[in-house]
């Protein structure tokens, strides 16, 4: 794994199971607000795409925003969420800064250490969310 991959991995909070938007908005974000004392501002972007010759339109969903938490120090970071082929969300990615291709370089930014700490804090709190979350069966 190269240095950039290590940085991006450190800034990513992966979910053990994919989540639908309703659970993200109504449960996970609410849990992060109450348990981790975070403020989350986000936008749900819905993009429609209709290919020539197709009757139905395909939609893609994105969640982008910023998250602000108080854990030792106040840290704010932009984030985006990735989704799988079924349009369920699989992670929270704290945005990196182009040109900072390693954890050591990223830490030299004024907010770099705070954002790395925020990612760790979100990872721990998100793990706790999934531990208390009822198991779902299909």
C-alpha atoms as a PDB file:
ATOM      1  CA  UNK A   1       0.000   0.000   0.000  1.00  0.00           C
ATOM      2  CA  UNK A   2       1.518   3.333  -1.008  1.00  0.00           C
ATOM      3  CA  UNK A   3       1.523   6.443   1.209  1.00  0.00           C
ATOM      4  CA  UNK A   4      -1.494   8.081  -0.468  1.00  0.00           C
ATOM      5  CA  UNK A   5      -3.558   4.902  -0.027  1.00  0.00           C
ATOM      6  CA  UNK A   6      -2.592   4.828   3.669  1.00  0.00           C
ATOM      7  CA  UNK A   7      -3.734   8.445   4.064  1.00  0.00           C
ATOM      8  CA  UNK A   8      -7.034   7.865   2.261  1.00  0.00           C
ATOM      9  CA  UNK A   9      -7.629   4.705   4.297  1.00  0.00           C
ATOM     10  CA  UNK A  10      -6.967   6.627   7.527  1.00  0.00           C
ATOM     11  CA  UNK A  11      -9.510   9.290   6.463  1.00  0.00           C
ATOM     12  CA  UNK A  12     -12.206   6.692   5.647  1.00  0.00           C
ATOM     13  CA  UNK A  13     -14.741   5.266   8.096  1.00  0.00           C
ATOM     14  CA  UNK A  14     -16.026   2.011   6.575  1.00  0.00           C
ATOM     15  CA  UNK A  15     -19.374   0.529   7.568  1.00  0.00           C
ATOM     16  CA  UNK A  16     -19.582  -3.192   8.345  1.00  0.00           C
ATOM     17  CA  UNK A  17     -22.852  -3.316   6.368  1.00  0.00           C
ATOM     18  CA  UNK A  18     -24.230  -0.906   3.736  1.00  0.00           C
ATOM     19  CA  UNK A  19     -26.885   1.568   4.894  1.00  0.00           C
ATOM     20  CA  UNK A  20     -29.845   3.078   3.077  1.00  0.00           C
ATOM     21  CA  UNK A  21     -30.271   6.848   3.075  1.00  0.00           C
ATOM     22  CA  UNK A  22     -33.175   6.686   5.544  1.00  0.00           C
ATOM     23  CA  UNK A  23     -30.993   5.005   8.154  1.00  0.00           C
ATOM     24  CA  UNK A  24     -28.099   7.382   7.482  1.00  0.00           C
ATOM     25  CA  UNK A  25     -30.291  10.429   8.008  1.00  0.00           C
ATOM     26  CA  UNK A  26     -32.664   9.164  10.686  1.00  0.00           C
ATOM     27  CA  UNK A  27     -30.381   6.997  12.778  1.00  0.00           C
ATOM     28  CA  UNK A  28     -26.622   7.187  12.094  1.00  0.00           C
ATOM     29  CA  UNK A  29     -26.448  10.988  11.829  1.00  0.00           C
ATOM     30  CA  UNK A  30     -28.733  11.326  14.875  1.00  0.00           C
ATOM     31  CA  UNK A  31     -26.488   8.927  16.810  1.00  0.00           C
ATOM     32  CA  UNK A  32     -23.370  10.921  15.847  1.00  0.00           C
ATOM     33  CA  UNK A  33     -25.107  14.150  16.895  1.00  0.00           C
ATOM     34  CA  UNK A  34     -26.189  12.837  20.293  1.00  0.00           C
ATOM     35  CA  UNK A  35     -23.342  10.477  21.223  1.00  0.00           C
ATOM     36  CA  UNK A  36     -20.356  12.172  19.561  1.00  0.00           C
ATOM     37  CA  UNK A  37     -21.672  15.743  19.883  1.00  0.00           C
ATOM     38  CA  UNK A  38     -21.232  16.371  16.170  1.00  0.00           C
ATOM     39  CA  UNK A  39     -22.911  18.919  13.954  1.00  0.00           C
ATOM     40  CA  UNK A  40     -23.517  17.535  10.486  1.00  0.00           C
ATOM     41  CA  UNK A  41     -24.477  19.676   7.504  1.00  0.00           C
ATOM     42  CA  UNK A  42     -25.108  17.654   4.372  1.00  0.00           C
ATOM     43  CA  UNK A  43     -26.726  17.623   0.991  1.00  0.00           C
ATOM     44  CA  UNK A  44     -28.343  14.654  -0.698  1.00  0.00           C
ATOM     45  CA  UNK A  45     -27.720  14.927  -4.430  1.00  0.00           C
ATOM     46  CA  UNK A  46     -29.907  12.862  -6.741  1.00  0.00           C
ATOM     47  CA  UNK A  47     -28.765  12.574 -10.322  1.00  0.00           C
ATOM     48  CA  UNK A  48     -30.985  11.086 -12.993  1.00  0.00           C
ATOM     49  CA  UNK A  49     -29.652   9.519 -16.164  1.00  0.00           C
ATOM     50  CA  UNK A  50     -31.685   8.160 -19.046  1.00  0.00           C
ATOM     51  CA  UNK A  51     -29.856   6.375 -21.818  1.00  0.00           C
ATOM     52  CA  UNK A  52     -31.157   6.545 -25.387  1.00  0.00           C
ATOM     53  CA  UNK A  53     -33.513   3.669 -26.066  1.00  0.00           C
ATOM     54  CA  UNK A  54     -34.172   2.930 -22.386  1.00  0.00           C
ATOM     55  CA  UNK A  55     -37.592   3.438 -20.892  1.00  0.00           C
ATOM     56  CA  UNK A  56     -36.532   3.943 -17.299  1.00  0.00           C
ATOM     57  CA  UNK A  57     -34.263   6.486 -15.725  1.00  0.00           C
ATOM     58  CA  UNK A  58     -31.338   5.460 -13.501  1.00  0.00           C
ATOM     59  CA  UNK A  59     -30.698   7.516 -10.385  1.00  0.00           C
ATOM     60  CA  UNK A  60     -27.478   7.987  -8.481  1.00  0.00           C
ATOM     61  CA  UNK A  61     -27.308   9.322  -4.957  1.00  0.00           C
ATOM     62  CA  UNK A  62     -24.524  11.245  -3.257  1.00  0.00           C
ATOM     63  CA  UNK A  63     -24.174  12.656   0.241  1.00  0.00           C
ATOM     64  CA  UNK A  64     -21.691  15.503   0.658  1.00  0.00           C
ATOM     65  CA  UNK A  65     -21.260  17.878   3.554  1.00  0.00           C
ATOM     66  CA  UNK A  66     -19.232  18.904   6.549  1.00  0.00           C
ATOM     67  CA  UNK A  67     -18.985  17.459  10.010  1.00  0.00           C
ATOM     68  CA  UNK A  68     -17.906  19.269  13.152  1.00  0.00           C
ATOM     69  CA  UNK A  69     -17.151  17.413  16.365  1.00  0.00           C
ATOM     70  CA  UNK A  70     -15.774  18.336  19.743  1.00  0.00           C
ATOM     71  CA  UNK A  71     -13.336  15.663  20.928  1.00  0.00           C
ATOM     72  CA  UNK A  72     -10.465  17.299  22.732  1.00  0.00           C
ATOM     73  CA  UNK A  73     -10.448  20.074  20.144  1.00  0.00           C
ATOM     74  CA  UNK A  74     -13.117  21.368  17.809  1.00  0.00           C
ATOM     75  CA  UNK A  75     -12.566  20.020  14.316  1.00  0.00           C
ATOM     76  CA  UNK A  76     -14.546  20.599  11.144  1.00  0.00           C
ATOM     77  CA  UNK A  77     -13.982  18.624   7.959  1.00  0.00           C
ATOM     78  CA  UNK A  78     -15.679  18.212   4.597  1.00  0.00           C
ATOM     79  CA  UNK A  79     -16.865  14.691   3.865  1.00  0.00           C
ATOM     80  CA  UNK A  80     -18.577  12.593   1.238  1.00  0.00           C
ATOM     81  CA  UNK A  81     -20.111   9.173   1.341  1.00  0.00           C
ATOM     82  CA  UNK A  82     -19.520   6.321  -1.097  1.00  0.00           C
ATOM     83  CA  UNK A  83     -22.239   3.944  -2.183  1.00  0.00           C
ATOM     84  CA  UNK A  84     -22.374   0.444  -3.557  1.00  0.00           C
ATOM     85  CA  UNK A  85     -24.076  -0.825  -6.725  1.00  0.00           C
ATOM     86  CA  UNK A  86     -27.400  -1.011  -4.869  1.00  0.00           C
ATOM     87  CA  UNK A  87     -27.229   2.697  -3.925  1.00  0.00           C
ATOM     88  CA  UNK A  88     -26.580   1.922  -0.257  1.00  0.00           C
ATOM     89  CA  UNK A  89     -23.883   3.909   1.505  1.00  0.00           C
ATOM     90  CA  UNK A  90     -20.743   2.086   2.632  1.00  0.00           C
ATOM     91  CA  UNK A  91     -18.496   4.693   4.253  1.00  0.00           C
ATOM     92  CA  UNK A  92     -17.757   8.268   5.281  1.00  0.00           C
ATOM     93  CA  UNK A  93     -14.686   9.791   3.660  1.00  0.00           C
ATOM     94  CA  UNK A  94     -13.072  12.879   5.138  1.00  0.00           C
ATOM     95  CA  UNK A  95     -11.768  14.866   2.172  1.00  0.00           C
ATOM     96  CA  UNK A  96      -8.016  14.961   1.691  1.00  0.00           C
ATOM     97  CA  UNK A  97      -6.097  17.894   0.247  1.00  0.00           C
ATOM     98  CA  UNK A  98      -4.452  17.516  -3.175  1.00  0.00           C
ATOM     99  CA  UNK A  99      -0.671  17.560  -2.956  1.00  0.00           C
ATOM    100  CA  UNK A 100      -0.551  16.061   0.535  1.00  0.00           C
ATOM    101  CA  UNK A 101       0.113  12.434  -0.300  1.00  0.00           C
ATOM    102  CA  UNK A 102       1.055  10.915   3.050  1.00  0.00           C
ATOM    103  CA  UNK A 103      -0.125  10.969   6.633  1.00  0.00           C
ATOM    104  CA  UNK A 104       3.019  12.864   7.655  1.00  0.00           C
ATOM    105  CA  UNK A 105       2.460  15.551   4.988  1.00  0.00           C
ATOM    106  CA  UNK A 106      -1.246  15.829   5.847  1.00  0.00           C
ATOM    107  CA  UNK A 107      -0.373  16.401   9.523  1.00  0.00           C
ATOM    108  CA  UNK A 108       1.591  19.533   8.519  1.00  0.00           C
ATOM    109  CA  UNK A 109      -1.653  21.248   7.488  1.00  0.00           C
ATOM    110  CA  UNK A 110      -3.116  23.534  10.165  1.00  0.00           C
ATOM    111  CA  UNK A 111      -6.174  21.266  10.417  1.00  0.00           C
ATOM    112  CA  UNK A 112      -4.529  18.013   9.305  1.00  0.00           C
ATOM    113  CA  UNK A 113      -3.948  16.409  12.704  1.00  0.00           C
ATOM    114  CA  UNK A 114      -7.430  17.441  13.788  1.00  0.00           C
ATOM    115  CA  UNK A 115      -9.012  15.859  10.715  1.00  0.00           C
ATOM    116  CA  UNK A 116      -7.080  12.626  11.226  1.00  0.00           C
ATOM    117  CA  UNK A 117      -8.219  12.637  14.866  1.00  0.00           C
ATOM    118  CA  UNK A 118     -11.786  13.346  13.736  1.00  0.00           C
ATOM    119  CA  UNK A 119     -11.693  10.327  11.412  1.00  0.00           C
ATOM    120  CA  UNK A 120     -10.512   8.120  14.304  1.00  0.00           C
ATOM    121  CA  UNK A 121     -13.227   9.534  16.586  1.00  0.00           C
ATOM    122  CA  UNK A 122     -15.920   8.964  13.936  1.00  0.00           C
ATOM    123  CA  UNK A 123     -14.625   5.427  13.359  1.00  0.00           C
ATOM    124  CA  UNK A 124     -14.910   4.609  17.071  1.00  0.00           C
ATOM    125  CA  UNK A 125     -18.370   6.194  17.405  1.00  0.00           C
ATOM    126  CA  UNK A 126     -19.633   4.540  14.216  1.00  0.00           C
ATOM    127  CA  UNK A 127     -18.424   1.155  15.487  1.00  0.00           C
ATOM    128  CA  UNK A 128     -20.450   1.795  18.659  1.00  0.00           C
ATOM    129  CA  UNK A 129     -23.488   2.647  16.519  1.00  0.00           C
ATOM    130  CA  UNK A 130     -23.263  -0.691  14.724  1.00  0.00           C
ATOM    131  CA  UNK A 131     -22.806  -2.559  18.017  1.00  0.00           C
ATOM    132  CA  UNK A 132     -26.089  -1.180  19.376  1.00  0.00           C
ATOM    133  CA  UNK A 133     -27.920  -1.382  16.029  1.00  0.00           C
ATOM    134  CA  UNK A 134     -30.453  -4.230  15.757  1.00  0.00           C
ATOM    135  CA  UNK A 135     -29.306  -6.956  13.375  1.00  0.00           C
ATOM    136  CA  UNK A 136     -31.231  -7.003  10.117  1.00  0.00           C
ATOM    137  CA  UNK A 137     -32.091 -10.119   8.168  1.00  0.00           C
ATOM    138  CA  UNK A 138     -33.063 -10.170   4.525  1.00  0.00           C
END
